[in-house]
Amino acid sequence: MIGLWCVPLGELTLPEALAAWPGACAEPIALTYAPEACRFARWEAGTLRGPDGPLPLDRIFEARVFQRQCEMRWLQGSGGRGPAVLLRADDRQGREPHPGAYRIDALDVLERTYLLWGEGVRAAPGGGGGDRLGWSRLADHRIGVLEVPHTGLAAGAPLWLLAREYLGAADGYGNVQVLEECLCDLVTADALPRGVAGG
């Protein structure tokens, strides 16, 4: 069986949830939702940074902070606090990583991709696009610009969001369902896993 540890962190503010990110899970990316936009960010020293600096955490109502082995989810409730949970891959029969943690035993794991809208654009003179300080830009005339924390995206190149689906028994009749899905990374075509759609 393939395991996924779920660690409920309790009712936290977003800064408290970000402070709970495990140091062993390096270089995380965040997908954030605010009333004005859905944005990608980088987790750095307990805060979320976009290409132009820190994001206003008080505007964010949902965040998924992730990398290949961990994902932390937070959803704002009342008073700026909300439930936070840490999901951590465990492919061996490990011990509980945290009091209150529980393990989901999956029968299989499928890697999935979501193609992000737009294509990489060249840097404009004066830094108006392309790759600046570890960020690239996706653009499409119908939706505008999406800043992504990915270095070196070529002009015209697409980018995918990589995810893992943990599959398990749905009932006593042999049916299987997705128990959890964890976001993992942003990847270009050459980094897509074999056999995954788009690769």
N, C-alpha and C. Protein backbone atom coordinates (compact mmCIF):
# COMPACT_ATOMS: atom_id res chain seq x y z
N MET A 1 0.84 -1.19 0.00
CA MET A 1 0.00 0.00 0.00
C MET A 1 0.88 1.25 0.00
N ILE A 2 0.36 2.30 -0.58
CA ILE A 2 1.04 3.58 -0.64
C ILE A 2 0.35 4.50 0.35
N GLY A 3 1.11 5.15 1.19
CA GLY A 3 0.52 5.95 2.24
C GLY A 3 0.62 7.44 2.01
N LEU A 4 -0.37 8.15 2.57
CA LEU A 4 -0.38 9.60 2.59
C LEU A 4 -0.79 10.02 3.99
N TRP A 5 0.10 10.72 4.69
CA TRP A 5 -0.22 11.20 6.03
C TRP A 5 -1.01 12.49 5.95
N CYS A 6 -2.07 12.58 6.72
CA CYS A 6 -2.88 13.79 6.84
C CYS A 6 -2.71 14.30 8.26
N VAL A 7 -2.22 15.52 8.38
CA VAL A 7 -1.95 16.11 9.70
C VAL A 7 -2.84 17.34 9.87
N PRO A 8 -3.95 17.23 10.62
CA PRO A 8 -4.76 18.42 10.90
C PRO A 8 -3.97 19.39 11.78
N LEU A 9 -3.88 20.63 11.35
CA LEU A 9 -3.11 21.64 12.09
C LEU A 9 -3.99 22.52 12.97
N GLY A 10 -5.31 22.39 12.82
CA GLY A 10 -6.23 23.17 13.63
C GLY A 10 -6.71 24.41 12.91
N GLU A 11 -7.42 25.27 13.66
CA GLU A 11 -7.94 26.54 13.14
C GLU A 11 -6.85 27.60 13.27
N LEU A 12 -6.32 28.04 12.15
CA LEU A 12 -5.18 28.96 12.14
C LEU A 12 -5.45 30.14 11.23
N THR A 13 -4.71 31.22 11.45
CA THR A 13 -4.66 32.30 10.47
C THR A 13 -3.71 31.83 9.36
N LEU A 14 -3.74 32.50 8.22
CA LEU A 14 -2.82 32.11 7.15
C LEU A 14 -1.36 32.26 7.56
N PRO A 15 -0.95 33.36 8.23
CA PRO A 15 0.45 33.43 8.67
C PRO A 15 0.83 32.27 9.61
N GLU A 16 -0.08 31.86 10.50
CA GLU A 16 0.20 30.73 11.39
C GLU A 16 0.34 29.44 10.60
N ALA A 17 -0.53 29.25 9.61
CA ALA A 17 -0.45 28.04 8.78
C ALA A 17 0.85 28.01 7.99
N LEU A 18 1.26 29.16 7.44
CA LEU A 18 2.52 29.21 6.70
C LEU A 18 3.72 28.93 7.59
N ALA A 19 3.66 29.36 8.85
CA ALA A 19 4.74 29.10 9.80
C ALA A 19 4.85 27.62 10.14
N ALA A 20 3.77 26.86 9.92
CA ALA A 20 3.77 25.42 10.23
C ALA A 20 4.36 24.57 9.10
N TRP A 21 4.73 25.21 7.99
CA TRP A 21 5.29 24.44 6.85
C TRP A 21 6.56 23.74 7.30
N PRO A 22 6.67 22.42 7.05
CA PRO A 22 7.86 21.68 7.48
C PRO A 22 9.11 22.07 6.71
N GLY A 23 10.18 22.36 7.41
CA GLY A 23 11.43 22.77 6.79
C GLY A 23 12.02 21.73 5.86
N ALA A 24 11.70 20.44 6.10
CA ALA A 24 12.24 19.38 5.26
C ALA A 24 11.63 19.39 3.86
N CYS A 25 10.50 20.02 3.69
CA CYS A 25 9.83 20.11 2.38
C CYS A 25 10.27 21.41 1.72
N ALA A 26 11.38 21.35 1.01
CA ALA A 26 12.03 22.56 0.48
C ALA A 26 11.35 23.10 -0.77
N GLU A 27 11.53 24.40 -1.01
CA GLU A 27 11.15 25.13 -2.21
C GLU A 27 9.68 24.96 -2.61
N PRO A 28 8.76 25.25 -1.70
CA PRO A 28 7.35 25.11 -2.07
C PRO A 28 6.82 26.26 -2.92
N ILE A 29 5.78 25.94 -3.66
CA ILE A 29 5.03 26.87 -4.49
C ILE A 29 3.66 27.00 -3.85
N ALA A 30 2.99 28.12 -4.04
CA ALA A 30 1.64 28.28 -3.52
C ALA A 30 0.70 28.67 -4.65
N LEU A 31 -0.52 28.18 -4.55
CA LEU A 31 -1.61 28.61 -5.41
C LEU A 31 -2.59 29.30 -4.48
N THR A 32 -2.82 30.59 -4.69
CA THR A 32 -3.63 31.38 -3.76
C THR A 32 -4.86 31.95 -4.46
N TYR A 33 -5.91 32.11 -3.66
CA TYR A 33 -7.16 32.67 -4.16
C TYR A 33 -7.52 33.89 -3.32
N ALA A 34 -7.74 35.01 -3.98
CA ALA A 34 -8.19 36.25 -3.36
C ALA A 34 -9.35 36.76 -4.20
N PRO A 35 -10.17 37.69 -3.67
CA PRO A 35 -11.31 38.17 -4.45
C PRO A 35 -10.93 38.72 -5.82
N GLU A 36 -9.76 39.33 -5.94
CA GLU A 36 -9.38 39.95 -7.21
C GLU A 36 -8.65 39.02 -8.16
N ALA A 37 -8.06 37.90 -7.68
CA ALA A 37 -7.29 37.06 -8.59
C ALA A 37 -6.87 35.74 -7.94
N CYS A 38 -6.62 34.78 -8.82
CA CYS A 38 -5.94 33.54 -8.44
C CYS A 38 -4.49 33.74 -8.85
N ARG A 39 -3.55 33.53 -7.91
CA ARG A 39 -2.13 33.79 -8.19
C ARG A 39 -1.26 32.65 -7.69
N PHE A 40 -0.13 32.49 -8.38
CA PHE A 40 0.93 31.63 -7.86
C PHE A 40 1.86 32.48 -7.01
N ALA A 41 2.53 31.82 -6.06
CA ALA A 41 3.49 32.51 -5.21
C ALA A 41 4.57 31.50 -4.81
N ARG A 42 5.61 32.01 -4.21
CA ARG A 42 6.64 31.18 -3.58
C ARG A 42 6.56 31.38 -2.07
N TRP A 43 6.70 30.27 -1.33
CA TRP A 43 6.78 30.35 0.12
C TRP A 43 8.22 30.67 0.46
N GLU A 44 8.44 31.77 1.17
CA GLU A 44 9.79 32.17 1.58
C GLU A 44 9.72 32.71 3.00
N ALA A 45 10.40 32.06 3.90
CA ALA A 45 10.53 32.52 5.29
C ALA A 45 9.19 32.87 5.92
N GLY A 46 8.21 31.98 5.73
CA GLY A 46 6.93 32.15 6.39
C GLY A 46 5.96 33.11 5.73
N THR A 47 6.27 33.57 4.53
CA THR A 47 5.32 34.43 3.81
C THR A 47 5.23 33.98 2.36
N LEU A 48 4.32 34.56 1.61
CA LEU A 48 4.14 34.22 0.20
C LEU A 48 4.57 35.41 -0.64
N ARG A 49 5.46 35.14 -1.60
CA ARG A 49 6.00 36.21 -2.43
C ARG A 49 5.65 35.98 -3.89
N GLY A 50 5.20 37.05 -4.54
CA GLY A 50 4.99 37.05 -5.98
C GLY A 50 6.22 37.61 -6.66
N PRO A 51 6.17 37.83 -7.96
CA PRO A 51 7.34 38.35 -8.68
C PRO A 51 7.72 39.76 -8.27
N ASP A 52 6.78 40.50 -7.67
CA ASP A 52 7.04 41.89 -7.28
C ASP A 52 7.10 42.10 -5.78
N GLY A 53 7.18 41.01 -5.01
CA GLY A 53 7.27 41.13 -3.56
C GLY A 53 6.19 40.35 -2.84
N PRO A 54 6.06 40.57 -1.52
CA PRO A 54 5.11 39.80 -0.72
C PRO A 54 3.66 40.04 -1.15
N LEU A 55 2.86 38.96 -1.10
CA LEU A 55 1.43 39.09 -1.36
C LEU A 55 0.73 39.57 -0.09
N PRO A 56 -0.35 40.33 -0.21
CA PRO A 56 -1.11 40.74 0.97
C PRO A 56 -1.90 39.55 1.52
N LEU A 57 -1.42 38.95 2.60
CA LEU A 57 -2.02 37.72 3.13
C LEU A 57 -3.45 37.94 3.60
N ASP A 58 -3.79 39.16 4.01
CA ASP A 58 -5.14 39.42 4.50
C ASP A 58 -6.19 39.39 3.39
N ARG A 59 -5.77 39.38 2.12
CA ARG A 59 -6.71 39.31 0.99
C ARG A 59 -6.96 37.87 0.55
N ILE A 60 -6.13 36.94 0.98
CA ILE A 60 -6.21 35.55 0.52
C ILE A 60 -7.24 34.79 1.36
N PHE A 61 -8.16 34.09 0.68
CA PHE A 61 -9.15 33.29 1.41
C PHE A 61 -8.92 31.79 1.26
N GLU A 62 -8.04 31.39 0.36
CA GLU A 62 -7.68 29.97 0.23
C GLU A 62 -6.26 29.87 -0.29
N ALA A 63 -5.51 28.92 0.25
CA ALA A 63 -4.13 28.71 -0.20
C ALA A 63 -3.80 27.23 -0.21
N ARG A 64 -3.08 26.82 -1.24
CA ARG A 64 -2.51 25.46 -1.31
C ARG A 64 -1.01 25.65 -1.54
N VAL A 65 -0.21 25.27 -0.56
CA VAL A 65 1.24 25.39 -0.62
C VAL A 65 1.76 23.98 -0.86
N PHE A 66 2.60 23.79 -1.87
CA PHE A 66 2.95 22.42 -2.25
C PHE A 66 4.34 22.31 -2.83
N GLN A 67 4.84 21.08 -2.78
CA GLN A 67 6.01 20.62 -3.51
C GLN A 67 5.84 19.12 -3.67
N ARG A 68 6.84 18.41 -4.15
CA ARG A 68 6.63 17.01 -4.55
C ARG A 68 6.27 16.05 -3.41
N GLN A 69 6.63 16.35 -2.18
CA GLN A 69 6.34 15.43 -1.08
C GLN A 69 5.29 15.94 -0.10
N CYS A 70 4.98 17.22 -0.12
CA CYS A 70 4.07 17.81 0.87
C CYS A 70 3.09 18.77 0.22
N GLU A 71 1.92 18.88 0.84
CA GLU A 71 0.98 19.95 0.49
C GLU A 71 0.31 20.42 1.77
N MET A 72 0.19 21.73 1.91
CA MET A 72 -0.54 22.32 3.03
C MET A 72 -1.73 23.08 2.46
N ARG A 73 -2.91 22.82 3.01
CA ARG A 73 -4.13 23.50 2.55
C ARG A 73 -4.68 24.35 3.68
N TRP A 74 -5.16 25.52 3.30
CA TRP A 74 -5.78 26.42 4.28
C TRP A 74 -6.98 27.08 3.62
N LEU A 75 -8.09 27.17 4.36
CA LEU A 75 -9.30 27.80 3.87
C LEU A 75 -9.83 28.73 4.95
N GLN A 76 -9.97 30.01 4.62
CA GLN A 76 -10.39 30.99 5.60
C GLN A 76 -11.83 30.75 6.04
N GLY A 77 -12.02 30.82 7.35
CA GLY A 77 -13.36 30.75 7.93
C GLY A 77 -13.70 32.12 8.49
N SER A 78 -14.33 32.13 9.64
CA SER A 78 -14.70 33.42 10.24
C SER A 78 -13.54 33.98 11.05
N GLY A 79 -13.47 35.30 11.11
CA GLY A 79 -12.44 35.97 11.90
C GLY A 79 -11.03 35.79 11.38
N GLY A 80 -10.88 35.46 10.09
CA GLY A 80 -9.54 35.31 9.52
C GLY A 80 -8.86 34.00 9.84
N ARG A 81 -9.55 33.11 10.56
CA ARG A 81 -8.99 31.80 10.89
C ARG A 81 -9.70 30.74 10.07
N GLY A 82 -9.03 29.61 9.90
CA GLY A 82 -9.66 28.53 9.16
C GLY A 82 -8.88 27.25 9.32
N PRO A 83 -9.48 26.14 8.90
CA PRO A 83 -8.81 24.85 9.03
C PRO A 83 -7.59 24.76 8.12
N ALA A 84 -6.54 24.18 8.66
CA ALA A 84 -5.32 23.92 7.89
C ALA A 84 -4.97 22.45 8.05
N VAL A 85 -4.50 21.85 6.98
CA VAL A 85 -4.09 20.44 7.03
C VAL A 85 -2.82 20.29 6.20
N LEU A 86 -1.94 19.44 6.67
CA LEU A 86 -0.70 19.11 5.95
C LEU A 86 -0.82 17.69 5.44
N LEU A 87 -0.58 17.50 4.15
CA LEU A 87 -0.58 16.17 3.53
C LEU A 87 0.86 15.85 3.16
N ARG A 88 1.30 14.65 3.55
CA ARG A 88 2.69 14.29 3.31
C ARG A 88 2.79 12.86 2.80
N ALA A 89 3.44 12.69 1.65
CA ALA A 89 3.60 11.36 1.06
C ALA A 89 4.44 10.48 1.95
N ASP A 90 4.06 9.20 2.01
CA ASP A 90 4.80 8.21 2.81
C ASP A 90 4.64 6.87 2.13
N ASP A 91 5.64 6.44 1.36
CA ASP A 91 5.53 5.18 0.63
C ASP A 91 6.06 3.99 1.43
N ARG A 92 6.38 4.23 2.68
CA ARG A 92 6.81 3.12 3.55
C ARG A 92 5.88 3.13 4.77
N GLN A 93 5.85 2.08 5.51
CA GLN A 93 4.97 1.97 6.67
C GLN A 93 5.58 2.74 7.84
N GLY A 94 5.59 4.08 7.71
CA GLY A 94 6.22 4.93 8.71
C GLY A 94 5.33 5.16 9.92
N ARG A 95 5.90 5.78 10.93
CA ARG A 95 5.16 6.10 12.13
C ARG A 95 4.49 7.44 11.99
N GLU A 96 3.46 7.65 12.80
CA GLU A 96 2.70 8.90 12.81
C GLU A 96 3.65 10.09 12.97
N PRO A 97 3.64 11.04 12.03
CA PRO A 97 4.58 12.16 12.09
C PRO A 97 4.19 13.25 13.07
N HIS A 98 2.95 13.21 13.58
CA HIS A 98 2.44 14.30 14.40
C HIS A 98 1.24 13.78 15.18
N PRO A 99 1.06 14.18 16.43
CA PRO A 99 -0.14 13.75 17.17
C PRO A 99 -1.41 14.16 16.41
N GLY A 100 -2.35 13.24 16.32
CA GLY A 100 -3.60 13.51 15.61
C GLY A 100 -3.55 13.20 14.13
N ALA A 101 -2.38 12.84 13.61
CA ALA A 101 -2.25 12.51 12.18
C ALA A 101 -2.93 11.18 11.90
N TYR A 102 -3.41 11.05 10.69
CA TYR A 102 -3.95 9.76 10.27
C TYR A 102 -3.41 9.45 8.87
N ARG A 103 -3.37 8.17 8.56
CA ARG A 103 -2.76 7.71 7.31
C ARG A 103 -3.83 7.22 6.36
N ILE A 104 -3.78 7.68 5.12
CA ILE A 104 -4.64 7.16 4.06
C ILE A 104 -3.81 6.13 3.31
N ASP A 105 -4.33 4.91 3.25
CA ASP A 105 -3.65 3.85 2.50
C ASP A 105 -4.26 3.75 1.11
N ALA A 106 -3.47 4.05 0.11
CA ALA A 106 -3.93 4.05 -1.27
C ALA A 106 -3.52 2.76 -1.96
N LEU A 107 -4.35 2.32 -2.87
CA LEU A 107 -4.03 1.14 -3.67
C LEU A 107 -3.05 1.49 -4.79
N ASP A 108 -3.15 2.72 -5.26
CA ASP A 108 -2.29 3.16 -6.35
C ASP A 108 -2.24 4.68 -6.36
N VAL A 109 -1.26 5.22 -7.05
CA VAL A 109 -1.13 6.67 -7.23
C VAL A 109 -1.00 6.95 -8.71
N LEU A 110 -1.81 7.87 -9.20
CA LEU A 110 -1.74 8.29 -10.60
C LEU A 110 -1.24 9.72 -10.67
N GLU A 111 -0.31 9.96 -11.57
CA GLU A 111 0.14 11.33 -11.78
C GLU A 111 -0.72 11.95 -12.87
N ARG A 112 -1.17 13.17 -12.59
CA ARG A 112 -2.05 13.90 -13.50
C ARG A 112 -1.45 15.26 -13.80
N THR A 113 -1.91 15.86 -14.88
CA THR A 113 -1.44 17.20 -15.22
C THR A 113 -2.62 18.10 -15.56
N TYR A 114 -2.42 19.37 -15.30
CA TYR A 114 -3.36 20.41 -15.71
C TYR A 114 -2.56 21.40 -16.55
N LEU A 115 -2.95 21.57 -17.79
CA LEU A 115 -2.27 22.51 -18.67
C LEU A 115 -2.69 23.92 -18.29
N LEU A 116 -1.72 24.78 -17.95
CA LEU A 116 -2.03 26.16 -17.62
C LEU A 116 -2.30 26.95 -18.90
N TRP A 117 -3.21 27.87 -18.82
CA TRP A 117 -3.61 28.66 -19.98
C TRP A 117 -2.48 29.62 -20.35
N GLY A 118 -2.24 29.76 -21.62
CA GLY A 118 -1.23 30.69 -22.11
C GLY A 118 0.06 29.99 -22.49
N GLU A 119 0.97 30.77 -23.03
CA GLU A 119 2.29 30.29 -23.44
C GLU A 119 3.35 31.24 -22.91
N GLY A 120 4.56 30.71 -22.74
CA GLY A 120 5.66 31.55 -22.29
C GLY A 120 5.87 32.71 -23.24
N VAL A 121 6.22 33.88 -22.68
CA VAL A 121 6.49 35.06 -23.51
C VAL A 121 7.92 35.52 -23.30
N ARG A 122 8.47 36.15 -24.31
CA ARG A 122 9.83 36.70 -24.23
C ARG A 122 9.86 37.90 -23.30
N ALA A 123 11.01 38.11 -22.69
CA ALA A 123 11.19 39.28 -21.85
C ALA A 123 11.17 40.54 -22.71
N ALA A 124 10.41 41.51 -22.24
CA ALA A 124 10.38 42.80 -22.94
C ALA A 124 11.53 43.66 -22.44
N PRO A 125 12.00 44.60 -23.23
CA PRO A 125 13.03 45.51 -22.73
C PRO A 125 12.54 46.19 -21.46
N GLY A 126 13.38 46.23 -20.44
CA GLY A 126 12.98 46.82 -19.17
C GLY A 126 12.34 45.84 -18.22
N GLY A 127 12.35 44.54 -18.52
CA GLY A 127 11.86 43.53 -17.59
C GLY A 127 10.37 43.34 -17.58
N GLY A 128 9.67 43.67 -18.67
CA GLY A 128 8.22 43.55 -18.68
C GLY A 128 7.67 42.17 -18.92
N GLY A 129 8.47 41.14 -19.07
CA GLY A 129 7.95 39.79 -19.30
C GLY A 129 9.07 38.79 -19.17
N GLY A 130 8.78 37.56 -19.56
CA GLY A 130 9.80 36.53 -19.57
C GLY A 130 10.24 36.10 -18.20
N ASP A 131 11.53 35.88 -18.01
CA ASP A 131 12.08 35.29 -16.81
C ASP A 131 12.77 36.36 -15.97
N ARG A 132 12.22 36.72 -14.81
CA ARG A 132 12.85 37.70 -13.94
C ARG A 132 12.87 37.14 -12.53
N LEU A 133 14.04 36.99 -12.00
CA LEU A 133 14.25 36.52 -10.64
C LEU A 133 13.49 35.24 -10.33
N GLY A 134 13.59 34.24 -11.20
CA GLY A 134 12.96 32.95 -10.95
C GLY A 134 11.50 32.87 -11.34
N TRP A 135 11.01 33.86 -12.05
CA TRP A 135 9.61 33.87 -12.48
C TRP A 135 9.55 33.92 -14.00
N SER A 136 8.53 33.28 -14.55
CA SER A 136 8.24 33.36 -15.97
C SER A 136 6.82 33.88 -16.12
N ARG A 137 6.48 34.19 -17.34
CA ARG A 137 5.16 34.76 -17.61
C ARG A 137 4.48 33.96 -18.71
N LEU A 138 3.22 33.56 -18.43
CA LEU A 138 2.36 32.95 -19.43
C LEU A 138 1.40 34.02 -19.91
N ALA A 139 1.09 34.03 -21.19
CA ALA A 139 0.16 35.04 -21.70
C ALA A 139 -0.71 34.46 -22.81
N ASP A 140 -1.91 35.00 -22.89
CA ASP A 140 -2.83 34.67 -23.96
C ASP A 140 -3.71 35.89 -24.16
N HIS A 141 -3.99 36.23 -25.40
CA HIS A 141 -4.75 37.46 -25.66
C HIS A 141 -6.15 37.43 -25.05
N ARG A 142 -6.70 36.24 -24.79
CA ARG A 142 -8.05 36.16 -24.23
C ARG A 142 -8.09 36.32 -22.71
N ILE A 143 -6.98 35.97 -22.04
CA ILE A 143 -7.02 36.01 -20.56
C ILE A 143 -5.98 36.93 -19.94
N GLY A 144 -5.05 37.41 -20.72
CA GLY A 144 -4.02 38.29 -20.17
C GLY A 144 -2.79 37.52 -19.74
N VAL A 145 -2.23 37.93 -18.60
CA VAL A 145 -0.92 37.44 -18.14
C VAL A 145 -1.07 36.67 -16.84
N LEU A 146 -0.32 35.58 -16.71
CA LEU A 146 -0.23 34.81 -15.48
C LEU A 146 1.25 34.66 -15.13
N GLU A 147 1.65 35.21 -13.98
CA GLU A 147 3.03 35.07 -13.50
C GLU A 147 3.17 33.71 -12.83
N VAL A 148 4.23 32.98 -13.17
CA VAL A 148 4.43 31.63 -12.62
C VAL A 148 5.85 31.50 -12.04
N PRO A 149 5.97 30.86 -10.88
CA PRO A 149 7.30 30.68 -10.27
C PRO A 149 8.04 29.52 -10.91
N HIS A 150 8.49 29.76 -12.14
CA HIS A 150 9.21 28.74 -12.90
C HIS A 150 10.30 29.46 -13.69
N THR A 151 11.51 28.97 -13.59
CA THR A 151 12.65 29.61 -14.25
C THR A 151 12.84 29.10 -15.66
N GLY A 152 13.10 30.02 -16.58
CA GLY A 152 13.55 29.65 -17.92
C GLY A 152 12.50 29.11 -18.85
N LEU A 153 11.26 29.51 -18.72
CA LEU A 153 10.22 29.05 -19.64
C LEU A 153 10.45 29.72 -21.00
N ALA A 154 10.59 28.92 -22.03
CA ALA A 154 10.87 29.45 -23.38
C ALA A 154 9.65 30.13 -23.96
N ALA A 155 9.89 31.09 -24.84
CA ALA A 155 8.80 31.77 -25.54
C ALA A 155 7.98 30.74 -26.30
N GLY A 156 6.67 30.80 -26.16
CA GLY A 156 5.77 29.87 -26.84
C GLY A 156 5.57 28.54 -26.15
N ALA A 157 6.33 28.28 -25.08
CA ALA A 157 6.25 26.99 -24.39
C ALA A 157 5.07 26.94 -23.42
N PRO A 158 4.41 25.79 -23.32
CA PRO A 158 3.35 25.63 -22.33
C PRO A 158 3.93 25.19 -20.99
N LEU A 159 3.10 25.24 -19.95
CA LEU A 159 3.50 24.82 -18.61
C LEU A 159 2.35 24.04 -18.00
N TRP A 160 2.69 22.98 -17.26
CA TRP A 160 1.69 22.12 -16.64
C TRP A 160 1.82 22.17 -15.12
N LEU A 161 0.68 22.02 -14.46
CA LEU A 161 0.62 21.81 -13.01
C LEU A 161 0.53 20.30 -12.82
N LEU A 162 1.50 19.73 -12.12
CA LEU A 162 1.56 18.30 -11.88
C LEU A 162 0.88 17.97 -10.56
N ALA A 163 0.06 16.91 -10.56
CA ALA A 163 -0.66 16.49 -9.35
C ALA A 163 -0.62 14.97 -9.24
N ARG A 164 -0.87 14.48 -8.02
CA ARG A 164 -0.96 13.04 -7.77
C ARG A 164 -2.34 12.71 -7.21
N GLU A 165 -2.98 11.69 -7.76
CA GLU A 165 -4.24 11.20 -7.24
C GLU A 165 -3.99 9.91 -6.49
N TYR A 166 -4.45 9.85 -5.25
CA TYR A 166 -4.32 8.65 -4.41
C TYR A 166 -5.63 7.88 -4.51
N LEU A 167 -5.56 6.66 -5.05
CA LEU A 167 -6.75 5.84 -5.31
C LEU A 167 -6.94 4.80 -4.23
N GLY A 168 -8.21 4.59 -3.84
CA GLY A 168 -8.51 3.58 -2.83
C GLY A 168 -9.90 3.00 -3.03
N ALA A 169 -10.20 1.98 -2.24
CA ALA A 169 -11.48 1.29 -2.33
C ALA A 169 -12.62 2.23 -1.97
N ALA A 170 -13.67 2.21 -2.80
CA ALA A 170 -14.83 3.07 -2.57
C ALA A 170 -15.90 2.35 -1.76
N ASP A 171 -15.94 1.03 -1.88
CA ASP A 171 -16.98 0.25 -1.22
C ASP A 171 -16.55 -1.21 -1.19
N GLY A 172 -17.42 -2.09 -0.81
CA GLY A 172 -17.09 -3.51 -0.73
C GLY A 172 -17.28 -4.27 -2.02
N TYR A 173 -17.48 -3.56 -3.13
CA TYR A 173 -17.77 -4.21 -4.41
C TYR A 173 -16.64 -4.08 -5.43
N GLY A 174 -15.48 -3.62 -4.99
CA GLY A 174 -14.34 -3.53 -5.89
C GLY A 174 -14.22 -2.21 -6.64
N ASN A 175 -15.08 -1.26 -6.34
CA ASN A 175 -14.97 0.05 -6.99
C ASN A 175 -13.86 0.87 -6.36
N VAL A 176 -13.22 1.69 -7.19
CA VAL A 176 -12.10 2.51 -6.74
C VAL A 176 -12.45 3.98 -6.96
N GLN A 177 -11.99 4.82 -6.04
CA GLN A 177 -12.23 6.25 -6.15
C GLN A 177 -10.97 7.02 -5.80
N VAL A 178 -10.95 8.30 -6.13
CA VAL A 178 -9.85 9.18 -5.74
C VAL A 178 -10.08 9.58 -4.28
N LEU A 179 -9.16 9.20 -3.41
CA LEU A 179 -9.26 9.53 -1.99
C LEU A 179 -8.73 10.93 -1.72
N GLU A 180 -7.64 11.29 -2.38
CA GLU A 180 -7.02 12.61 -2.23
C GLU A 180 -6.29 12.95 -3.52
N GLU A 181 -6.15 14.23 -3.76
CA GLU A 181 -5.31 14.72 -4.84
C GLU A 181 -4.36 15.76 -4.26
N CYS A 182 -3.09 15.61 -4.54
CA CYS A 182 -2.09 16.56 -4.05
C CYS A 182 -1.40 17.23 -5.22
N LEU A 183 -1.30 18.55 -5.15
CA LEU A 183 -0.52 19.30 -6.14
C LEU A 183 0.96 19.05 -5.86
N CYS A 184 1.78 19.03 -6.92
CA CYS A 184 3.19 18.66 -6.75
C CYS A 184 4.18 19.69 -7.29
N ASP A 185 3.97 20.19 -8.51
CA ASP A 185 5.01 21.00 -9.13
C ASP A 185 4.47 21.68 -10.39
N LEU A 186 5.22 22.61 -10.92
CA LEU A 186 5.00 23.20 -12.23
C LEU A 186 6.10 22.66 -13.14
N VAL A 187 5.71 22.06 -14.28
CA VAL A 187 6.70 21.40 -15.14
C VAL A 187 6.50 21.76 -16.61
N THR A 188 7.60 21.71 -17.34
CA THR A 188 7.57 21.89 -18.79
C THR A 188 7.43 20.51 -19.44
N ALA A 189 7.22 20.48 -20.75
CA ALA A 189 6.98 19.23 -21.47
C ALA A 189 8.09 18.22 -21.25
N ASP A 190 9.36 18.67 -21.21
CA ASP A 190 10.47 17.73 -21.05
C ASP A 190 10.54 17.12 -19.65
N ALA A 191 9.83 17.69 -18.69
CA ALA A 191 9.85 17.16 -17.32
C ALA A 191 8.59 16.39 -16.96
N LEU A 192 7.67 16.23 -17.90
CA LEU A 192 6.44 15.48 -17.61
C LEU A 192 6.79 14.00 -17.43
N PRO A 193 6.18 13.35 -16.43
CA PRO A 193 6.42 11.91 -16.26
C PRO A 193 5.93 11.13 -17.48
N ARG A 194 6.60 10.02 -17.77
CA ARG A 194 6.22 9.18 -18.88
C ARG A 194 4.78 8.69 -18.73
N GLY A 195 4.04 8.69 -19.82
CA GLY A 195 2.69 8.18 -19.80
C GLY A 195 1.65 9.12 -19.26
N VAL A 196 2.07 10.29 -18.80
CA VAL A 196 1.12 11.27 -18.28
C VAL A 196 0.63 12.12 -19.43
N ALA A 197 -0.66 12.45 -19.43
CA ALA A 197 -1.22 13.26 -20.51
C ALA A 197 -0.41 14.52 -20.71
N GLY A 198 -0.05 14.80 -21.94
CA GLY A 198 0.76 15.96 -22.27
C GLY A 198 2.22 15.59 -22.42
N GLY A 199 2.65 14.42 -21.91
CA GLY A 199 4.04 14.03 -21.96
C GLY A 199 4.35 13.10 -23.10
